[in-house]
Amino acid sequence: MDKGSNRCTEVRKASAGVLGGSVMVPGGSGVVQERREMLWEYVRKSGQTRVMQPVQDVHREAQRKETKSILRSCTAKGAATPKQVSFALDLISGGVLSSCAHKGGEMEPRQLAKCIHFGGKWSSPLMRLRYLGCCLAVLWGAGSEVVRMDNLKTSDYPPVAWRGDSFNKMGHSMSRLDINSDLLCGSGMSTSEAGGSSRSPNKPLNYLDHEIAQLTKLKSGPHDHLSRVLPGKREVPVSTVKMLAGREGNYSGRGRFSTADCRHILSRYLPVNGPYFVDQMTSRAYVSQFSADGSLFVAGFQGSNIIIYNVDKGWKVQKNIRAKSLRWTITDTSLSADQRCLVYASMSPILHVVNVESAATESVANITEIHDGLDLSTDEDGAYSFGIFSVKFSTDGRELVAGSNDDSIYVYDLEANKLSIRIAAHSSDVNSVCFADESGYLIYSGSDDNLCKVWDRRCLKAKGKPAGVLMGHLEGITFLDSHGDARYFISNSKDQSIKLWDIRRMSSNATSNAGFRNYEWDYRWMEYPPQARGLKHPCDQSLATYKGHSVLRTLIRCHFSPAYSTGQRYIYTGSHDSYIYIYDVVSGDQVARLEHHKSTVRDCSWHPQHPMLVSSSFDGDIVRWEFPGNGLMKGCF
């Protein structure tokens, strides 16, 4: 080979995710032709000497259609040109590649198809992807990884044994259609921005190294064969294209995606694009909640209105509730698991229950419908002696738990229609309560005394004390959300932070030590003191802390992202600065910040199955955020 004519020029061209990488193409035309012939000879011999066993998969046709849909969505996102995507689609489906043409016109599609068509029958789809990548690399150029012709002679590109390092190299080259290519942050959308620092090869200082980090990875991580880090390559999320190629090649041996694989794909398509208006009211919105199955959405407003929207019917208003005995605002609502009843609370000791299944759309208290009142007070308390900040249904719908500003926790038995437990729980307002899991035995509570407490009802009567106390916040707790496993939960606080807790770290007894605090402030009308931002509790028992949002003026809420679609990989919260923040549980990074509202965002809710988030604000707007083309992902499960 003439070294003088071997002038290498780097050709970069996206290959629709089939094989990413930059290609070194010799400048001499004779050398180009020689190496083309070398490639075709290699492919021909490989096809004759190796016998490919096709993967038998009953889901093959459905998977191919889904693969086509997702690849077509890449064109809409600008990640690849229509010609490139159609080439990949034809290859996956075993077509004749009729929609693409060679760049220089030297080779027709039928000729190219004939060169990599073995015995009149296509080999496995994954093999077609691999060889297409080789062809594109030599003939056209591709992506951002360097693929040299000499490598084609080695075992780096064998026609079989896809599950080794060569498979990972191929998959990494296919990762151009990745989360890093603006799929996460919604490139081009002015209403959202992806924040936070990028992941470095070494773990950042705030990286969570705990059991929950491993659990999160197990629930939302891809198969081990695809999640391995290549030598010399930094750790990155596994691309959707690589996941699809792995499924086509049956790398897991199951013939389909596992639940963790599905969560890994869906969790990377964050609902950051929008906003799209759901409704606009003239009063402040305090509550936003999806039902357990995502078919209903509840919004509560200061102006005594509670609106239930039917999500499956185009956000049609299913029930418009006018609250009874409203004092100040609707502080909280909760929908039963069977979606038959809704309970709402106000700054009064009476909870009200509404029948959601009734035919009437307008539900005016004691006029068009009866709103059953559940009085939590006693004769000694007197009328309107306290208000309720938080209320939750148990999973079985038989009980309600409530937290109030008389420092107490209440448990109401709906079947017996009576108050079953009243606990003098804290030394200040109980702003948030929730059941730890489906059993209903454990209750979490958060208070303005800066403490989180765990209550075990099985031994409450004997001890009369909490099972444990967790310290770490410098200011009052505004909201709690359980992980659902009776082990972990998160809390939002007026110290401008969210903390992650493991109840196995709790103490038997503790007090809110404010001795290190040398400032006075009130979150209802003052800004958080600058000198307090660097303070840390001397006995902090939390696992991780997430900062960036603002907790002022009202009891702002935070939540885990859904287990079904994301494996609870994220934490999201409203904020006084009118944004919605999304944090990564493990890395602690702020992965997204959604901007639209003009006032405080008190609550927001992530759809339990699809990449959709709905936020409500003091500006009266109810808006939803989505990932474009989320309907394409419904077949993933």
Foldseek 3Di string as FASTA:
>chain_A
DDPVQQDWDWAEDAQLLLFAAIETAGPDPVVLVVLVVVLLVLLQVLLVPDDFDADDFPCLVVLLVLVLLVSVVCCVVVLHPPQSSLQLNCLLVVHQSQSHAQPVNPDGSNRVSVSNAHPVHHHFSLLSSLSVNVVCNSRPTHHHHYDYSVCSVDPLRHSDDLLDVSVLNRQVRSCSQDLVVCLQFPPPAPQKGFDFDDQDLDADPQFFDDPVLVLLCVLAPFDPSHQDADVPHGGDQRGPSSLSSCLSVCNVVPNAGDLNPQLNHQQSRALFDDWDFLDFDQFAWFDWDAAPQRQWIWIWGQQQWIWIFGVVVPRHTQAIERDPPADRTFQDKEAANVRQWIWTWHFWQKIWIDGSPDRDRYHYDPPPDDTDIQGPDDPVQDGSNWGWNEKYAANVRQWMWTWIQVCWIWIAGNVVSGTDDIANADPGGFNEKDAQANVSQWMWTWFQQQKIFIAGNVCCVVPVYTQFIAHKGLGGWLYKEHPRPSFWIWTDGQLQKIFIAGCVQGHRDDGSDNVVPDDDDAQQPDADDPVSNPDIDPRHRTSGMAHDAHDGNHRWYKYFAACSNNVSQWIWTWHQCQWIWIAGPRSSTTGMIGHDDPGTWRDKYARNHWNKIWTTGRSRTIIMGHSPPRVSSPVSD
